[in-house]
PDB file of N, CA and C in Angstrom:
ATOM      1  N   MET A   1      26.148  12.581   4.663  1.00  0.00           N
ATOM      2  CA  MET A   1      25.277  12.239   5.779  1.00  0.00           C
ATOM      3  C   MET A   1      25.959  11.188   6.648  1.00  0.00           C
ATOM      4  N   ASN A   2      26.023  11.434   7.934  1.00  0.00           N
ATOM      5  CA  ASN A   2      26.604  10.497   8.876  1.00  0.00           C
ATOM      6  C   ASN A   2      25.525   9.535   9.346  1.00  0.00           C
ATOM      7  N   ALA A   3      25.665   8.269   9.005  1.00  0.00           N
ATOM      8  CA  ALA A   3      24.656   7.271   9.357  1.00  0.00           C
ATOM      9  C   ALA A   3      24.708   6.908  10.835  1.00  0.00           C
ATOM     10  N   GLY A   4      25.822   7.128  11.491  1.00  0.00           N
ATOM     11  CA  GLY A   4      25.996   6.779  12.894  1.00  0.00           C
ATOM     12  C   GLY A   4      27.420   6.380  13.150  1.00  0.00           C
ATOM     13  N   ARG A   5      27.850   6.587  14.366  1.00  0.00           N
ATOM     14  CA  ARG A   5      29.246   6.327  14.714  1.00  0.00           C
ATOM     15  C   ARG A   5      29.539   4.847  14.910  1.00  0.00           C
ATOM     16  N   TYR A   6      28.540   4.065  15.308  1.00  0.00           N
ATOM     17  CA  TYR A   6      28.754   2.653  15.635  1.00  0.00           C
ATOM     18  C   TYR A   6      28.005   1.771  14.641  1.00  0.00           C
ATOM     19  N   ARG A   7      28.741   0.826  14.054  1.00  0.00           N
ATOM     20  CA  ARG A   7      28.148  -0.056  13.036  1.00  0.00           C
ATOM     21  C   ARG A   7      28.167  -1.492  13.542  1.00  0.00           C
ATOM     22  N   VAL A   8      27.030  -2.157  13.407  1.00  0.00           N
ATOM     23  CA  VAL A   8      26.925  -3.578  13.702  1.00  0.00           C
ATOM     24  C   VAL A   8      26.684  -4.298  12.383  1.00  0.00           C
ATOM     25  N   THR A   9      27.496  -5.340  12.144  1.00  0.00           N
ATOM     26  CA  THR A   9      27.408  -6.094  10.899  1.00  0.00           C
ATOM     27  C   THR A   9      27.274  -7.578  11.210  1.00  0.00           C
ATOM     28  N   VAL A  10      26.366  -8.232  10.513  1.00  0.00           N
ATOM     29  CA  VAL A  10      26.258  -9.690  10.562  1.00  0.00           C
ATOM     30  C   VAL A  10      26.747 -10.202   9.220  1.00  0.00           C
ATOM     31  N   THR A  11      27.728 -11.117   9.261  1.00  0.00           N
ATOM     32  CA  THR A  11      28.186 -11.761   8.039  1.00  0.00           C
ATOM     33  C   THR A  11      27.979 -13.271   8.170  1.00  0.00           C
ATOM     34  N   ILE A  12      27.781 -13.894   7.030  1.00  0.00           N
ATOM     35  CA  ILE A  12      27.688 -15.349   6.947  1.00  0.00           C
ATOM     36  C   ILE A  12      28.807 -15.786   6.008  1.00  0.00           C
ATOM     37  N   ASP A  13      29.745 -16.553   6.542  1.00  0.00           N
ATOM     38  CA  ASP A  13      30.915 -16.985   5.760  1.00  0.00           C
ATOM     39  C   ASP A  13      31.587 -15.803   5.072  1.00  0.00           C
ATOM     40  N   GLY A  14      31.675 -14.667   5.786  1.00  0.00           N
ATOM     41  CA  GLY A  14      32.358 -13.486   5.276  1.00  0.00           C
ATOM     42  C   GLY A  14      31.542 -12.589   4.365  1.00  0.00           C
ATOM     43  N   GLU A  15      30.338 -12.994   4.023  1.00  0.00           N
ATOM     44  CA  GLU A  15      29.472 -12.189   3.155  1.00  0.00           C
ATOM     45  C   GLU A  15      28.475 -11.404   4.004  1.00  0.00           C
ATOM     46  N   PRO A  16      28.344 -10.092   3.793  1.00  0.00           N
ATOM     47  CA  PRO A  16      27.409  -9.292   4.598  1.00  0.00           C
ATOM     48  C   PRO A  16      25.967  -9.772   4.443  1.00  0.00           C
ATOM     49  N   LEU A  17      25.307  -9.916   5.582  1.00  0.00           N
ATOM     50  CA  LEU A  17      23.893 -10.269   5.598  1.00  0.00           C
ATOM     51  C   LEU A  17      23.058  -9.041   5.947  1.00  0.00           C
ATOM     52  N   ILE A  18      23.470  -8.326   7.005  1.00  0.00           N
ATOM     53  CA  ILE A  18      22.744  -7.150   7.465  1.00  0.00           C
ATOM     54  C   ILE A  18      23.718  -6.256   8.232  1.00  0.00           C
ATOM     55  N   GLN A  19      23.472  -4.955   8.172  1.00  0.00           N
ATOM     56  CA  GLN A  19      24.263  -4.029   8.976  1.00  0.00           C
ATOM     57  C   GLN A  19      23.425  -2.806   9.296  1.00  0.00           C
ATOM     58  N   GLY A  20      23.797  -2.150  10.384  1.00  0.00           N
ATOM     59  CA  GLY A  20      23.095  -0.949  10.808  1.00  0.00           C
ATOM     60  C   GLY A  20      24.050  -0.041  11.551  1.00  0.00           C
ATOM     61  N   TRP A  21      23.684   1.245  11.614  1.00  0.00           N
ATOM     62  CA  TRP A  21      24.515   2.262  12.251  1.00  0.00           C
ATOM     63  C   TRP A  21      23.701   2.968  13.322  1.00  0.00           C
ATOM     64  N   TRP A  22      24.360   3.258  14.466  1.00  0.00           N
ATOM     65  CA  TRP A  22      23.717   3.947  15.571  1.00  0.00           C
ATOM     66  C   TRP A  22      24.656   5.014  16.119  1.00  0.00           C
ATOM     67  N   GLY A  23      24.088   6.106  16.602  1.00  0.00           N
ATOM     68  CA  GLY A  23      24.875   7.183  17.179  1.00  0.00           C
ATOM     69  C   GLY A  23      25.302   6.908  18.607  1.00  0.00           C
ATOM     70  N   SER A  24      24.638   5.985  19.265  1.00  0.00           N
ATOM     71  CA  SER A  24      24.908   5.655  20.661  1.00  0.00           C
ATOM     72  C   SER A  24      25.575   4.284  20.757  1.00  0.00           C
ATOM     73  N   GLU A  25      26.703   4.229  21.472  1.00  0.00           N
ATOM     74  CA  GLU A  25      27.366   2.939  21.659  1.00  0.00           C
ATOM     75  C   GLU A  25      26.484   1.979  22.440  1.00  0.00           C
ATOM     76  N   ALA A  26      25.770   2.478  23.455  1.00  0.00           N
ATOM     77  CA  ALA A  26      24.899   1.614  24.258  1.00  0.00           C
ATOM     78  C   ALA A  26      23.811   0.967  23.396  1.00  0.00           C
ATOM     79  N   VAL A  27      23.216   1.746  22.518  1.00  0.00           N
ATOM     80  CA  VAL A  27      22.180   1.212  21.622  1.00  0.00           C
ATOM     81  C   VAL A  27      22.794   0.196  20.662  1.00  0.00           C
ATOM     82  N   ALA A  28      23.954   0.510  20.123  1.00  0.00           N
ATOM     83  CA  ALA A  28      24.624  -0.409  19.194  1.00  0.00           C
ATOM     84  C   ALA A  28      24.985  -1.717  19.888  1.00  0.00           C
ATOM     85  N   ARG A  29      25.406  -1.652  21.139  1.00  0.00           N
ATOM     86  CA  ARG A  29      25.735  -2.882  21.880  1.00  0.00           C
ATOM     87  C   ARG A  29      24.488  -3.726  22.140  1.00  0.00           C
ATOM     88  N   ARG A  30      23.358  -3.081  22.382  1.00  0.00           N
ATOM     89  CA  ARG A  30      22.107  -3.841  22.532  1.00  0.00           C
ATOM     90  C   ARG A  30      21.729  -4.513  21.216  1.00  0.00           C
ATOM     91  N   LYS A  31      21.894  -3.805  20.099  1.00  0.00           N
ATOM     92  CA  LYS A  31      21.591  -4.393  18.792  1.00  0.00           C
ATOM     93  C   LYS A  31      22.547  -5.538  18.490  1.00  0.00           C
ATOM     94  N   PHE A  32      23.828  -5.361  18.834  1.00  0.00           N
ATOM     95  CA  PHE A  32      24.831  -6.414  18.681  1.00  0.00           C
ATOM     96  C   PHE A  32      24.353  -7.693  19.379  1.00  0.00           C
ATOM     97  N   ALA A  33      23.952  -7.578  20.639  1.00  0.00           N
ATOM     98  CA  ALA A  33      23.476  -8.739  21.397  1.00  0.00           C
ATOM     99  C   ALA A  33      22.206  -9.320  20.783  1.00  0.00           C
ATOM    100  N   SER A  34      21.312  -8.447  20.343  1.00  0.00           N
ATOM    101  CA  SER A  34      20.068  -8.887  19.732  1.00  0.00           C
ATOM    102  C   SER A  34      20.333  -9.688  18.459  1.00  0.00           C
ATOM    103  N   TRP A  35      21.248  -9.191  17.640  1.00  0.00           N
ATOM    104  CA  TRP A  35      21.535  -9.876  16.378  1.00  0.00           C
ATOM    105  C   TRP A  35      22.271 -11.190  16.584  1.00  0.00           C
ATOM    106  N   ILE A  36      23.032 -11.308  17.675  1.00  0.00           N
ATOM    107  CA  ILE A  36      23.609 -12.621  17.995  1.00  0.00           C
ATOM    108  C   ILE A  36      22.469 -13.601  18.245  1.00  0.00           C
ATOM    109  N   GLY A  37      21.471 -13.165  19.008  1.00  0.00           N
ATOM    110  CA  GLY A  37      20.312 -14.016  19.276  1.00  0.00           C
ATOM    111  C   GLY A  37      19.535 -14.368  18.028  1.00  0.00           C
ATOM    112  N   GLU A  38      19.397 -13.419  17.118  1.00  0.00           N
ATOM    113  CA  GLU A  38      18.609 -13.639  15.906  1.00  0.00           C
ATOM    114  C   GLU A  38      19.355 -14.438  14.838  1.00  0.00           C
ATOM    115  N   HIS A  39      20.668 -14.231  14.724  1.00  0.00           N
ATOM    116  CA  HIS A  39      21.413 -14.805  13.598  1.00  0.00           C
ATOM    117  C   HIS A  39      22.556 -15.726  14.011  1.00  0.00           C
ATOM    118  N   GLY A  40      22.841 -15.808  15.307  1.00  0.00           N
ATOM    119  CA  GLY A  40      23.993 -16.572  15.779  1.00  0.00           C
ATOM    120  C   GLY A  40      23.939 -18.061  15.517  1.00  0.00           C
ATOM    121  N   SER A  41      22.764 -18.614  15.320  1.00  0.00           N
ATOM    122  CA  SER A  41      22.656 -20.055  15.074  1.00  0.00           C
ATOM    123  C   SER A  41      22.927 -20.419  13.617  1.00  0.00           C
ATOM    124  N   ARG A  42      23.058 -19.429  12.753  1.00  0.00           N
ATOM    125  CA  ARG A  42      23.347 -19.707  11.341  1.00  0.00           C
ATOM    126  C   ARG A  42      24.802 -20.154  11.190  1.00  0.00           C
ATOM    127  N   ALA A  43      25.019 -21.159  10.391  1.00  0.00           N
ATOM    128  CA  ALA A  43      26.385 -21.647  10.159  1.00  0.00           C
ATOM    129  C   ALA A  43      27.236 -20.529   9.555  1.00  0.00           C
ATOM    130  N   GLY A  44      28.418 -20.326  10.095  1.00  0.00           N
ATOM    131  CA  GLY A  44      29.342 -19.329   9.560  1.00  0.00           C
ATOM    132  C   GLY A  44      29.043 -17.900   9.960  1.00  0.00           C
ATOM    133  N   ALA A  45      28.132 -17.698  10.939  1.00  0.00           N
ATOM    134  CA  ALA A  45      27.740 -16.347  11.338  1.00  0.00           C
ATOM    135  C   ALA A  45      28.831 -15.666  12.156  1.00  0.00           C
ATOM    136  N   ARG A  46      28.989 -14.372  11.936  1.00  0.00           N
ATOM    137  CA  ARG A  46      29.864 -13.512  12.733  1.00  0.00           C
ATOM    138  C   ARG A  46      29.159 -12.174  12.877  1.00  0.00           C
ATOM    139  N   VAL A  47      29.176 -11.628  14.104  1.00  0.00           N
ATOM    140  CA  VAL A  47      28.581 -10.329  14.390  1.00  0.00           C
ATOM    141  C   VAL A  47      29.699  -9.427  14.908  1.00  0.00           C
ATOM    142  N   THR A  48      29.804  -8.234  14.327  1.00  0.00           N
ATOM    143  CA  THR A  48      30.888  -7.320  14.656  1.00  0.00           C
ATOM    144  C   THR A  48      30.339  -5.936  14.981  1.00  0.00           C
ATOM    145  N   LEU A  49      30.886  -5.313  16.026  1.00  0.00           N
ATOM    146  CA  LEU A  49      30.577  -3.927  16.385  1.00  0.00           C
ATOM    147  C   LEU A  49      31.834  -3.103  16.134  1.00  0.00           C
ATOM    148  N   THR A  50      31.715  -2.117  15.252  1.00  0.00           N
ATOM    149  CA  THR A  50      32.848  -1.292  14.852  1.00  0.00           C
ATOM    150  C   THR A  50      32.576   0.162  15.172  1.00  0.00           C
ATOM    151  N   GLU A  51      33.605   0.859  15.641  1.00  0.00           N
ATOM    152  CA  GLU A  51      33.553   2.303  15.869  1.00  0.00           C
ATOM    153  C   GLU A  51      34.012   2.948  14.567  1.00  0.00           C
ATOM    154  N   GLU A  52      33.107   3.623  13.893  1.00  0.00           N
ATOM    155  CA  GLU A  52      33.352   4.096  12.534  1.00  0.00           C
ATOM    156  C   GLU A  52      34.420   5.191  12.430  1.00  0.00           C
ATOM    157  N   GLU A  53      34.567   6.040  13.438  1.00  0.00           N
ATOM    158  CA  GLU A  53      35.534   7.135  13.344  1.00  0.00           C
ATOM    159  C   GLU A  53      36.964   6.628  13.303  1.00  0.00           C
ATOM    160  N   THR A  54      37.251   5.548  14.043  1.00  0.00           N
ATOM    161  CA  THR A  54      38.612   5.013  14.088  1.00  0.00           C
ATOM    162  C   THR A  54      38.760   3.712  13.313  1.00  0.00           C
ATOM    163  N   GLY A  55      37.644   3.066  13.015  1.00  0.00           N
ATOM    164  CA  GLY A  55      37.691   1.765  12.352  1.00  0.00           C
ATOM    165  C   GLY A  55      37.969   0.622  13.312  1.00  0.00           C
ATOM    166  N   ALA A  56      38.016   0.920  14.614  1.00  0.00           N
ATOM    167  CA  ALA A  56      38.325  -0.100  15.616  1.00  0.00           C
ATOM    168  C   ALA A  56      37.150  -1.051  15.808  1.00  0.00           C
ATOM    169  N   VAL A  57      37.457  -2.344  15.864  1.00  0.00           N
ATOM    170  CA  VAL A  57      36.452  -3.346  16.203  1.00  0.00           C
ATOM    171  C   VAL A  57      36.333  -3.354  17.720  1.00  0.00           C
ATOM    172  N   LEU A  58      35.147  -3.009  18.234  1.00  0.00           N
ATOM    173  CA  LEU A  58      34.939  -2.951  19.674  1.00  0.00           C
ATOM    174  C   LEU A  58      34.668  -4.327  20.270  1.00  0.00           C
ATOM    175  N   THR A  59      33.928  -5.137  19.528  1.00  0.00           N
ATOM    176  CA  THR A  59      33.663  -6.511  19.961  1.00  0.00           C
ATOM    177  C   THR A  59      33.169  -7.298  18.760  1.00  0.00           C
ATOM    178  N   GLU A  60      33.338  -8.600  18.851  1.00  0.00           N
ATOM    179  CA  GLU A  60      32.820  -9.474  17.796  1.00  0.00           C
ATOM    180  C   GLU A  60      32.430 -10.805  18.401  1.00  0.00           C
ATOM    181  N   TRP A  61      31.512 -11.458  17.713  1.00  0.00           N
ATOM    182  CA  TRP A  61      31.041 -12.773  18.134  1.00  0.00           C
ATOM    183  C   TRP A  61      31.037 -13.685  16.927  1.00  0.00           C
ATOM    184  N   PRO A  62      31.484 -14.908  17.035  1.00  0.00           N
ATOM    185  CA  PRO A  62      32.191 -15.419  18.207  1.00  0.00           C
ATOM    186  C   PRO A  62      33.536 -14.702  18.353  1.00  0.00           C
ATOM    187  N   ASP A  63      34.033 -14.699  19.576  1.00  0.00           N
ATOM    188  CA  ASP A  63      35.288 -14.029  19.889  1.00  0.00           C
ATOM    189  C   ASP A  63      36.412 -14.629  19.049  1.00  0.00           C
ATOM    190  N   ALA A  64      37.093 -13.790  18.295  1.00  0.00           N
ATOM    191  CA  ALA A  64      38.158 -14.252  17.392  1.00  0.00           C
ATOM    192  C   ALA A  64      39.457 -14.547  18.139  1.00  0.00           C
ATOM    193  N   ARG A  65      39.530 -14.157  19.397  1.00  0.00           N
ATOM    194  CA  ARG A  65      40.789 -14.354  20.143  1.00  0.00           C
ATOM    195  C   ARG A  65      40.926 -15.730  20.686  1.00  0.00           C
TER     196      ARG A  65
END
């Protein structure tokens, strides 16, 4: 079963807190922004949007660059 092409993950100090999969990149990007708002104030939080078919990280917060 394909859960969705785009995965959003929230980690705290590298440990997974929550993740979800969506078939639409636009929907996944909205969830990405939403989860930054919901979990971004936690110490050590990182939110990542990954394209599951290639494994490419599309965006992450805070920006690692």
